[in-house]
Amino acid sequence: MSKIRKLLLCLIQQKEIFEKILSQKQTEEKNSFRIIENEIISQLQNQIKNLKKSMKNKFNLILKTIESNQTQTQAQSQAQTQSQAENQSQIQS
């Protein structure tokens, strides 16, 4: 009977050890998933930041293009107006 008791006690201790190991593994997996999740979130945040920068740069480029076109149009319009005025002045002379 004492051998059976010793064996039973040994099995109970082994079970406790295995339960602790299992608990540690599960905790490690949770931590591992959290680490991966945080890495993914960080990557997504960086992608969003880069997209915002890119969009801002493109928007500024579009605005500069529009301003440049407006300046060119105004210059052309003034040149035409001046040319027409000079032509009329020569016709009247």
PDB file of N, CA and C in Angstrom:
ATOM      1  N   MET A   1       0.805  -1.192   0.000  1.00  0.00           N
ATOM      2  CA  MET A   1       0.000   0.000   0.000  1.00  0.00           C
ATOM      3  C   MET A   1       0.848   1.256   0.000  1.00  0.00           C
ATOM      4  N   SER A   2       1.933   1.271   0.662  1.00  0.00           N
ATOM      5  CA  SER A   2       2.775   2.452   0.717  1.00  0.00           C
ATOM      6  C   SER A   2       3.385   2.758  -0.648  1.00  0.00           C
ATOM      7  N   LYS A   3       3.676   1.735  -1.469  1.00  0.00           N
ATOM      8  CA  LYS A   3       4.193   1.968  -2.814  1.00  0.00           C
ATOM      9  C   LYS A   3       3.134   2.647  -3.663  1.00  0.00           C
ATOM     10  N   ILE A   4       1.912   2.233  -3.506  1.00  0.00           N
ATOM     11  CA  ILE A   4       0.808   2.834  -4.252  1.00  0.00           C
ATOM     12  C   ILE A   4       0.629   4.292  -3.828  1.00  0.00           C
ATOM     13  N   ARG A   5       0.748   4.538  -2.540  1.00  0.00           N
ATOM     14  CA  ARG A   5       0.622   5.913  -2.034  1.00  0.00           C
ATOM     15  C   ARG A   5       1.744   6.787  -2.587  1.00  0.00           C
ATOM     16  N   LYS A   6       2.964   6.254  -2.574  1.00  0.00           N
ATOM     17  CA  LYS A   6       4.101   7.002  -3.086  1.00  0.00           C
ATOM     18  C   LYS A   6       3.905   7.296  -4.579  1.00  0.00           C
ATOM     19  N   LEU A   7       3.451   6.305  -5.287  1.00  0.00           N
ATOM     20  CA  LEU A   7       3.202   6.474  -6.714  1.00  0.00           C
ATOM     21  C   LEU A   7       2.114   7.522  -6.942  1.00  0.00           C
ATOM     22  N   LEU A   8       1.052   7.456  -6.178  1.00  0.00           N
ATOM     23  CA  LEU A   8      -0.038   8.412  -6.285  1.00  0.00           C
ATOM     24  C   LEU A   8       0.461   9.827  -5.972  1.00  0.00           C
ATOM     25  N   LEU A   9       1.254   9.954  -4.913  1.00  0.00           N
ATOM     26  CA  LEU A   9       1.802  11.252  -4.544  1.00  0.00           C
ATOM     27  C   LEU A   9       2.700  11.796  -5.650  1.00  0.00           C
ATOM     28  N   CYS A  10       3.508  10.931  -6.218  1.00  0.00           N
ATOM     29  CA  CYS A  10       4.389  11.317  -7.328  1.00  0.00           C
ATOM     30  C   CYS A  10       3.565  11.773  -8.523  1.00  0.00           C
ATOM     31  N   LEU A  11       2.506  11.070  -8.855  1.00  0.00           N
ATOM     32  CA  LEU A  11       1.642  11.438  -9.974  1.00  0.00           C
ATOM     33  C   LEU A  11       0.945  12.782  -9.722  1.00  0.00           C
ATOM     34  N   ILE A  12       0.534  12.990  -8.489  1.00  0.00           N
ATOM     35  CA  ILE A  12      -0.119  14.266  -8.142  1.00  0.00           C
ATOM     36  C   ILE A  12       0.871  15.422  -8.308  1.00  0.00           C
ATOM     37  N   GLN A  13       2.097  15.220  -7.878  1.00  0.00           N
ATOM     38  CA  GLN A  13       3.124  16.254  -8.014  1.00  0.00           C
ATOM     39  C   GLN A  13       3.427  16.528  -9.497  1.00  0.00           C
ATOM     40  N   GLN A  14       3.513  15.456 -10.270  1.00  0.00           N
ATOM     41  CA  GLN A  14       3.761  15.624 -11.704  1.00  0.00           C
ATOM     42  C   GLN A  14       2.615  16.384 -12.375  1.00  0.00           C
ATOM     43  N   LYS A  15       1.420  16.073 -11.961  1.00  0.00           N
ATOM     44  CA  LYS A  15       0.255  16.770 -12.514  1.00  0.00           C
ATOM     45  C   LYS A  15       0.337  18.264 -12.197  1.00  0.00           C
ATOM     46  N   GLU A  16       0.701  18.598 -10.960  1.00  0.00           N
ATOM     47  CA  GLU A  16       0.827  20.010 -10.581  1.00  0.00           C
ATOM     48  C   GLU A  16       1.901  20.708 -11.411  1.00  0.00           C
ATOM     49  N   ILE A  17       3.008  20.012 -11.635  1.00  0.00           N
ATOM     50  CA  ILE A  17       4.093  20.575 -12.431  1.00  0.00           C
ATOM     51  C   ILE A  17       3.622  20.800 -13.869  1.00  0.00           C
ATOM     52  N   PHE A  18       2.942  19.817 -14.433  1.00  0.00           N
ATOM     53  CA  PHE A  18       2.440  19.955 -15.802  1.00  0.00           C
ATOM     54  C   PHE A  18       1.413  21.085 -15.909  1.00  0.00           C
ATOM     55  N   GLU A  19       0.601  21.242 -14.897  1.00  0.00           N
ATOM     56  CA  GLU A  19      -0.381  22.336 -14.913  1.00  0.00           C
ATOM     57  C   GLU A  19       0.323  23.689 -14.879  1.00  0.00           C
ATOM     58  N   LYS A  20       1.395  23.784 -14.090  1.00  0.00           N
ATOM     59  CA  LYS A  20       2.160  25.030 -14.050  1.00  0.00           C
ATOM     60  C   LYS A  20       2.813  25.308 -15.402  1.00  0.00           C
ATOM     61  N   ILE A  21       3.370  24.269 -16.001  1.00  0.00           N
ATOM     62  CA  ILE A  21       3.998  24.419 -17.318  1.00  0.00           C
ATOM     63  C   ILE A  21       2.962  24.852 -18.347  1.00  0.00           C
ATOM     64  N   LEU A  22       1.801  24.222 -18.311  1.00  0.00           N
ATOM     65  CA  LEU A  22       0.726  24.573 -19.244  1.00  0.00           C
ATOM     66  C   LEU A  22       0.312  26.031 -19.045  1.00  0.00           C
ATOM     67  N   SER A  23       0.171  26.431 -17.810  1.00  0.00           N
ATOM     68  CA  SER A  23      -0.208  27.810 -17.510  1.00  0.00           C
ATOM     69  C   SER A  23       0.833  28.790 -18.043  1.00  0.00           C
ATOM     70  N   GLN A  24       2.105  28.474 -17.865  1.00  0.00           N
ATOM     71  CA  GLN A  24       3.173  29.323 -18.378  1.00  0.00           C
ATOM     72  C   GLN A  24       3.116  29.416 -19.902  1.00  0.00           C
ATOM     73  N   LYS A  25       2.912  28.282 -20.548  1.00  0.00           N
ATOM     74  CA  LYS A  25       2.837  28.261 -22.012  1.00  0.00           C
ATOM     75  C   LYS A  25       1.680  29.125 -22.510  1.00  0.00           C
ATOM     76  N   GLN A  26       0.548  29.002 -21.856  1.00  0.00           N
ATOM     77  CA  GLN A  26      -0.616  29.781 -22.272  1.00  0.00           C
ATOM     78  C   GLN A  26      -0.351  31.276 -22.080  1.00  0.00           C
ATOM     79  N   THR A  27       0.292  31.625 -20.971  1.00  0.00           N
ATOM     80  CA  THR A  27       0.620  33.021 -20.712  1.00  0.00           C
ATOM     81  C   THR A  27       1.613  33.526 -21.755  1.00  0.00           C
ATOM     82  N   GLU A  28       2.608  32.709 -22.090  1.00  0.00           N
ATOM     83  CA  GLU A  28       3.580  33.094 -23.110  1.00  0.00           C
ATOM     84  C   GLU A  28       2.902  33.304 -24.455  1.00  0.00           C
ATOM     85  N   GLU A  29       1.954  32.440 -24.798  1.00  0.00           N
ATOM     86  CA  GLU A  29       1.239  32.580 -26.061  1.00  0.00           C
ATOM     87  C   GLU A  29       0.447  33.884 -26.079  1.00  0.00           C
ATOM     88  N   LYS A  30      -0.208  34.187 -24.963  1.00  0.00           N
ATOM     89  CA  LYS A  30      -0.968  35.430 -24.887  1.00  0.00           C
ATOM     90  C   LYS A  30      -0.032  36.623 -25.052  1.00  0.00           C
ATOM     91  N   ASN A  31       1.115  36.560 -24.362  1.00  0.00           N
ATOM     92  CA  ASN A  31       2.081  37.652 -24.475  1.00  0.00           C
ATOM     93  C   ASN A  31       2.628  37.743 -25.892  1.00  0.00           C
ATOM     94  N   SER A  32       2.868  36.607 -26.498  1.00  0.00           N
ATOM     95  CA  SER A  32       3.368  36.582 -27.868  1.00  0.00           C
ATOM     96  C   SER A  32       2.346  37.210 -28.816  1.00  0.00           C
ATOM     97  N   PHE A  33       1.081  36.854 -28.638  1.00  0.00           N
ATOM     98  CA  PHE A  33       0.026  37.439 -29.466  1.00  0.00           C
ATOM     99  C   PHE A  33      -0.058  38.945 -29.240  1.00  0.00           C
ATOM    100  N   ARG A  34       0.105  39.374 -28.001  1.00  0.00           N
ATOM    101  CA  ARG A  34       0.062  40.810 -27.708  1.00  0.00           C
ATOM    102  C   ARG A  34       1.218  41.532 -28.389  1.00  0.00           C
ATOM    103  N   ILE A  35       2.389  40.919 -28.354  1.00  0.00           N
ATOM    104  CA  ILE A  35       3.558  41.524 -28.997  1.00  0.00           C
ATOM    105  C   ILE A  35       3.314  41.648 -30.496  1.00  0.00           C
ATOM    106  N   ILE A  36       2.828  40.578 -31.098  1.00  0.00           N
ATOM    107  CA  ILE A  36       2.545  40.593 -32.540  1.00  0.00           C
ATOM    108  C   ILE A  36       1.466  41.630 -32.851  1.00  0.00           C
ATOM    109  N   GLU A  37       0.439  41.666 -32.033  1.00  0.00           N
ATOM    110  CA  GLU A  37      -0.643  42.626 -32.230  1.00  0.00           C
ATOM    111  C   GLU A  37      -0.100  44.057 -32.153  1.00  0.00           C
ATOM    112  N   ASN A  38       0.753  44.322 -31.170  1.00  0.00           N
ATOM    113  CA  ASN A  38       1.337  45.661 -31.028  1.00  0.00           C
ATOM    114  C   ASN A  38       2.223  46.012 -32.224  1.00  0.00           C
ATOM    115  N   GLU A  39       2.959  45.031 -32.725  1.00  0.00           N
ATOM    116  CA  GLU A  39       3.802  45.270 -33.896  1.00  0.00           C
ATOM    117  C   GLU A  39       2.948  45.608 -35.117  1.00  0.00           C
ATOM    118  N   ILE A  40       1.864  44.878 -35.291  1.00  0.00           N
ATOM    119  CA  ILE A  40       0.972  45.130 -36.428  1.00  0.00           C
ATOM    120  C   ILE A  40       0.350  46.520 -36.307  1.00  0.00           C
ATOM    121  N   ILE A  41      -0.093  46.868 -35.115  1.00  0.00           N
ATOM    122  CA  ILE A  41      -0.686  48.190 -34.895  1.00  0.00           C
ATOM    123  C   ILE A  41       0.344  49.278 -35.192  1.00  0.00           C
ATOM    124  N   SER A  42       1.565  49.071 -34.751  1.00  0.00           N
ATOM    125  CA  SER A  42       2.630  50.048 -34.998  1.00  0.00           C
ATOM    126  C   SER A  42       2.889  50.192 -36.494  1.00  0.00           C
ATOM    127  N   GLN A  43       2.930  49.071 -37.212  1.00  0.00           N
ATOM    128  CA  GLN A  43       3.147  49.122 -38.661  1.00  0.00           C
ATOM    129  C   GLN A  43       2.006  49.872 -39.352  1.00  0.00           C
ATOM    130  N   LEU A  44       0.789  49.600 -38.935  1.00  0.00           N
ATOM    131  CA  LEU A  44      -0.362  50.288 -39.531  1.00  0.00           C
ATOM    132  C   LEU A  44      -0.309  51.782 -39.245  1.00  0.00           C
ATOM    133  N   GLN A  45       0.082  52.145 -38.025  1.00  0.00           N
ATOM    134  CA  GLN A  45       0.187  53.564 -37.694  1.00  0.00           C
ATOM    135  C   GLN A  45       1.245  54.247 -38.555  1.00  0.00           C
ATOM    136  N   ASN A  46       2.358  53.562 -38.785  1.00  0.00           N
ATOM    137  CA  ASN A  46       3.405  54.126 -39.645  1.00  0.00           C
ATOM    138  C   ASN A  46       2.916  54.275 -41.075  1.00  0.00           C
ATOM    139  N   GLN A  47       2.169  53.286 -41.556  1.00  0.00           N
ATOM    140  CA  GLN A  47       1.631  53.374 -42.913  1.00  0.00           C
ATOM    141  C   GLN A  47       0.673  54.549 -43.038  1.00  0.00           C
ATOM    142  N   ILE A  48      -0.157  54.738 -42.034  1.00  0.00           N
ATOM    143  CA  ILE A  48      -1.103  55.862 -42.054  1.00  0.00           C
ATOM    144  C   ILE A  48      -0.344  57.185 -42.039  1.00  0.00           C
ATOM    145  N   LYS A  49       0.693  57.272 -41.193  1.00  0.00           N
ATOM    146  CA  LYS A  49       1.496  58.483 -41.125  1.00  0.00           C
ATOM    147  C   LYS A  49       2.143  58.775 -42.475  1.00  0.00           C
ATOM    148  N   ASN A  50       2.679  57.738 -43.120  1.00  0.00           N
ATOM    149  CA  ASN A  50       3.307  57.916 -44.432  1.00  0.00           C
ATOM    150  C   ASN A  50       2.283  58.325 -45.489  1.00  0.00           C
ATOM    151  N   LEU A  51       1.090  57.737 -45.415  1.00  0.00           N
ATOM    152  CA  LEU A  51       0.038  58.123 -46.364  1.00  0.00           C
ATOM    153  C   LEU A  51      -0.369  59.576 -46.171  1.00  0.00           C
ATOM    154  N   LYS A  52      -0.466  60.002 -44.928  1.00  0.00           N
ATOM    155  CA  LYS A  52      -0.815  61.404 -44.656  1.00  0.00           C
ATOM    156  C   LYS A  52       0.244  62.338 -45.226  1.00  0.00           C
ATOM    157  N   LYS A  53       1.517  61.994 -45.020  1.00  0.00           N
ATOM    158  CA  LYS A  53       2.599  62.827 -45.567  1.00  0.00           C
ATOM    159  C   LYS A  53       2.515  62.872 -47.088  1.00  0.00           C
ATOM    160  N   SER A  54       2.308  61.716 -47.692  1.00  0.00           N
ATOM    161  CA  SER A  54       2.243  61.634 -49.143  1.00  0.00           C
ATOM    162  C   SER A  54       1.075  62.466 -49.676  1.00  0.00           C
ATOM    163  N   MET A  55      -0.077  62.334 -49.029  1.00  0.00           N
ATOM    164  CA  MET A  55      -1.252  63.092 -49.470  1.00  0.00           C
ATOM    165  C   MET A  55      -1.020  64.589 -49.292  1.00  0.00           C
ATOM    166  N   LYS A  56      -0.392  64.968 -48.205  1.00  0.00           N
ATOM    167  CA  LYS A  56      -0.107  66.391 -47.970  1.00  0.00           C
ATOM    168  C   LYS A  56       0.820  66.924 -49.055  1.00  0.00           C
ATOM    169  N   ASN A  57       1.860  66.150 -49.379  1.00  0.00           N
ATOM    170  CA  ASN A  57       2.789  66.570 -50.428  1.00  0.00           C
ATOM    171  C   ASN A  57       2.091  66.692 -51.784  1.00  0.00           C
ATOM    172  N   LYS A  58       1.254  65.712 -52.099  1.00  0.00           N
ATOM    173  CA  LYS A  58       0.539  65.754 -53.381  1.00  0.00           C
ATOM    174  C   LYS A  58      -0.433  66.929 -53.422  1.00  0.00           C
ATOM    175  N   PHE A  59      -1.111  67.173 -52.313  1.00  0.00           N
ATOM    176  CA  PHE A  59      -2.054  68.290 -52.248  1.00  0.00           C
ATOM    177  C   PHE A  59      -1.318  69.621 -52.438  1.00  0.00           C
ATOM    178  N   ASN A  60      -0.159  69.749 -51.766  1.00  0.00           N
ATOM    179  CA  ASN A  60       0.629  70.974 -51.927  1.00  0.00           C
ATOM    180  C   ASN A  60       1.115  71.141 -53.366  1.00  0.00           C
ATOM    181  N   LEU A  61       1.505  70.035 -53.994  1.00  0.00           N
ATOM    182  CA  LEU A  61       1.935  70.089 -55.388  1.00  0.00           C
ATOM    183  C   LEU A  61       0.785  70.537 -56.292  1.00  0.00           C
ATOM    184  N   ILE A  62      -0.398  70.012 -56.047  1.00  0.00           N
ATOM    185  CA  ILE A  62      -1.581  70.410 -56.825  1.00  0.00           C
ATOM    186  C   ILE A  62      -1.857  71.897 -56.637  1.00  0.00           C
ATOM    187  N   LEU A  63      -1.781  72.365 -55.386  1.00  0.00           N
ATOM    188  CA  LEU A  63      -2.019  73.797 -55.127  1.00  0.00           C
ATOM    189  C   LEU A  63      -0.986  74.673 -55.837  1.00  0.00           C
ATOM    190  N   LYS A  64       0.276  74.258 -55.794  1.00  0.00           N
ATOM    191  CA  LYS A  64       1.327  75.031 -56.470  1.00  0.00           C
ATOM    192  C   LYS A  64       1.082  75.054 -57.975  1.00  0.00           C
ATOM    193  N   THR A  65       0.658  73.921 -58.528  1.00  0.00           N
ATOM    194  CA  THR A  65       0.370  73.851 -59.963  1.00  0.00           C
ATOM    195  C   THR A  65      -0.772  74.791 -60.318  1.00  0.00           C
ATOM    196  N   ILE A  66      -1.813  74.788 -59.502  1.00  0.00           N
ATOM    197  CA  ILE A  66      -2.963  75.673 -59.747  1.00  0.00           C
ATOM    198  C   ILE A  66      -2.527  77.129 -59.675  1.00  0.00           C
ATOM    199  N   GLU A  67      -1.743  77.462 -58.634  1.00  0.00           N
ATOM    200  CA  GLU A  67      -1.271  78.845 -58.487  1.00  0.00           C
ATOM    201  C   GLU A  67      -0.397  79.251 -59.676  1.00  0.00           C
ATOM    202  N   SER A  68       0.459  78.353 -60.099  1.00  0.00           N
ATOM    203  CA  SER A  68       1.341  78.639 -61.244  1.00  0.00           C
ATOM    204  C   SER A  68       0.515  78.863 -62.503  1.00  0.00           C
ATOM    205  N   ASN A  69      -0.489  78.005 -62.713  1.00  0.00           N
ATOM    206  CA  ASN A  69      -1.359  78.152 -63.889  1.00  0.00           C
ATOM    207  C   ASN A  69      -2.125  79.465 -63.841  1.00  0.00           C
ATOM    208  N   GLN A  70      -2.586  79.847 -62.652  1.00  0.00           N
ATOM    209  CA  GLN A  70      -3.313  81.112 -62.522  1.00  0.00           C
ATOM    210  C   GLN A  70      -2.396  82.293 -62.827  1.00  0.00           C
ATOM    211  N   THR A  71      -1.167  82.208 -62.340  1.00  0.00           N
ATOM    212  CA  THR A  71      -0.205  83.278 -62.595  1.00  0.00           C
ATOM    213  C   THR A  71       0.084  83.384 -64.085  1.00  0.00           C
ATOM    214  N   GLN A  72       0.266  82.225 -64.729  1.00  0.00           N
ATOM    215  CA  GLN A  72       0.522  82.233 -66.172  1.00  0.00           C
ATOM    216  C   GLN A  72      -0.672  82.795 -66.933  1.00  0.00           C
ATOM    217  N   THR A  73      -1.859  82.402 -66.528  1.00  0.00           N
ATOM    218  CA  THR A  73      -3.078  82.875 -67.198  1.00  0.00           C
ATOM    219  C   THR A  73      -3.217  84.382 -67.029  1.00  0.00           C
ATOM    220  N   GLN A  74      -2.959  84.860 -65.829  1.00  0.00           N
ATOM    221  CA  GLN A  74      -3.044  86.310 -65.597  1.00  0.00           C
ATOM    222  C   GLN A  74      -2.002  87.060 -66.426  1.00  0.00           C
ATOM    223  N   ALA A  75      -0.793  86.523 -66.497  1.00  0.00           N
ATOM    224  CA  ALA A  75       0.261  87.170 -67.282  1.00  0.00           C
ATOM    225  C   ALA A  75      -0.118  87.193 -68.758  1.00  0.00           C
ATOM    226  N   GLN A  76      -0.652  86.094 -69.257  1.00  0.00           N
ATOM    227  CA  GLN A  76      -1.071  86.036 -70.662  1.00  0.00           C
ATOM    228  C   GLN A  76      -2.209  87.014 -70.923  1.00  0.00           C
ATOM    229  N   SER A  77      -3.136  87.071 -69.993  1.00  0.00           N
ATOM    230  CA  SER A  77      -4.280  87.971 -70.139  1.00  0.00           C
ATOM    231  C   SER A  77      -3.813  89.430 -70.156  1.00  0.00           C
ATOM    232  N   GLN A  78      -2.889  89.769 -69.267  1.00  0.00           N
ATOM    233  CA  GLN A  78      -2.367  91.137 -69.232  1.00  0.00           C
ATOM    234  C   GLN A  78      -1.604  91.455 -70.524  1.00  0.00           C
ATOM    235  N   ALA A  79      -0.837  90.475 -71.006  1.00  0.00           N
ATOM    236  CA  ALA A  79      -0.085  90.699 -72.250  1.00  0.00           C
ATOM    237  C   ALA A  79      -1.035  90.917 -73.413  1.00  0.00           C
ATOM    238  N   GLN A  80      -2.115  90.139 -73.468  1.00  0.00           N
ATOM    239  CA  GLN A  80      -3.098  90.302 -74.552  1.00  0.00           C
ATOM    240  C   GLN A  80      -3.788  91.651 -74.444  1.00  0.00           C
ATOM    241  N   THR A  81      -4.152  92.022 -73.246  1.00  0.00           N
ATOM    242  CA  THR A  81      -4.824  93.304 -73.032  1.00  0.00           C
ATOM    243  C   THR A  81      -3.912  94.448 -73.453  1.00  0.00           C
ATOM    244  N   GLN A  82      -2.658  94.353 -73.045  1.00  0.00           N
ATOM    245  CA  GLN A  82      -1.710  95.405 -73.413  1.00  0.00           C
ATOM    246  C   GLN A  82      -1.497  95.443 -74.927  1.00  0.00           C
ATOM    247  N   SER A  83      -1.397  94.261 -75.538  1.00  0.00           N
ATOM    248  CA  SER A  83      -1.208  94.186 -76.985  1.00  0.00           C
ATOM    249  C   SER A  83      -2.401  94.778 -77.724  1.00  0.00           C
ATOM    250  N   GLN A  84      -3.598  94.471 -77.247  1.00  0.00           N
ATOM    251  CA  GLN A  84      -4.814  95.018 -77.874  1.00  0.00           C
ATOM    252  C   GLN A  84      -4.857  96.533 -77.713  1.00  0.00           C
ATOM    253  N   ALA A  85      -4.459  96.993 -76.548  1.00  0.00           N
ATOM    254  CA  ALA A  85      -4.464  98.439 -76.305  1.00  0.00           C
ATOM    255  C   ALA A  85      -3.466  99.127 -77.228  1.00  0.00           C
ATOM    256  N   GLU A  86      -2.316  98.507 -77.400  1.00  0.00           N
ATOM    257  CA  GLU A  86      -1.311  99.077 -78.298  1.00  0.00           C
ATOM    258  C   GLU A  86      -1.805  99.071 -79.742  1.00  0.00           C
ATOM    259  N   ASN A  87      -2.462  97.995 -80.139  1.00  0.00           N
ATOM    260  CA  ASN A  87      -3.021  97.902 -81.493  1.00  0.00           C
ATOM    261  C   ASN A  87      -4.082  98.972 -81.730  1.00  0.00           C
ATOM    262  N   GLN A  88      -4.935  99.191 -80.772  1.00  0.00           N
ATOM    263  CA  GLN A  88      -5.996 100.190 -80.922  1.00  0.00           C
ATOM    264  C   GLN A  88      -5.376 101.594 -80.964  1.00  0.00           C
ATOM    265  N   SER A  89      -4.359 101.771 -80.159  1.00  0.00           N
ATOM    266  CA  SER A  89      -3.703 103.078 -80.129  1.00  0.00           C
ATOM    267  C   SER A  89      -3.023 103.349 -81.467  1.00  0.00           C
ATOM    268  N   GLN A  90      -2.449 102.304 -82.074  1.00  0.00           N
ATOM    269  CA  GLN A  90      -1.818 102.501 -83.386  1.00  0.00           C
ATOM    270  C   GLN A  90      -2.875 102.740 -84.462  1.00  0.00           C
ATOM    271  N   ILE A  91      -3.999 102.059 -84.351  1.00  0.00           N
ATOM    272  CA  ILE A  91      -5.088 102.229 -85.332  1.00  0.00           C
ATOM    273  C   ILE A  91      -5.626 103.647 -85.248  1.00  0.00           C
ATOM    274  N   GLN A  92      -5.775 104.164 -84.060  1.00  0.00           N
ATOM    275  CA  GLN A  92      -6.347 105.511 -83.873  1.00  0.00           C
ATOM    276  C   GLN A  92      -5.354 106.589 -84.315  1.00  0.00           C
ATOM    277  N   SER A  93      -4.105 106.274 -84.322  1.00  0.00           N
ATOM    278  CA  SER A  93      -3.113 107.303 -84.687  1.00  0.00           C
ATOM    279  C   SER A  93      -3.046 107.526 -86.132  1.00  0.00           C
TER     280      SER A  93
END
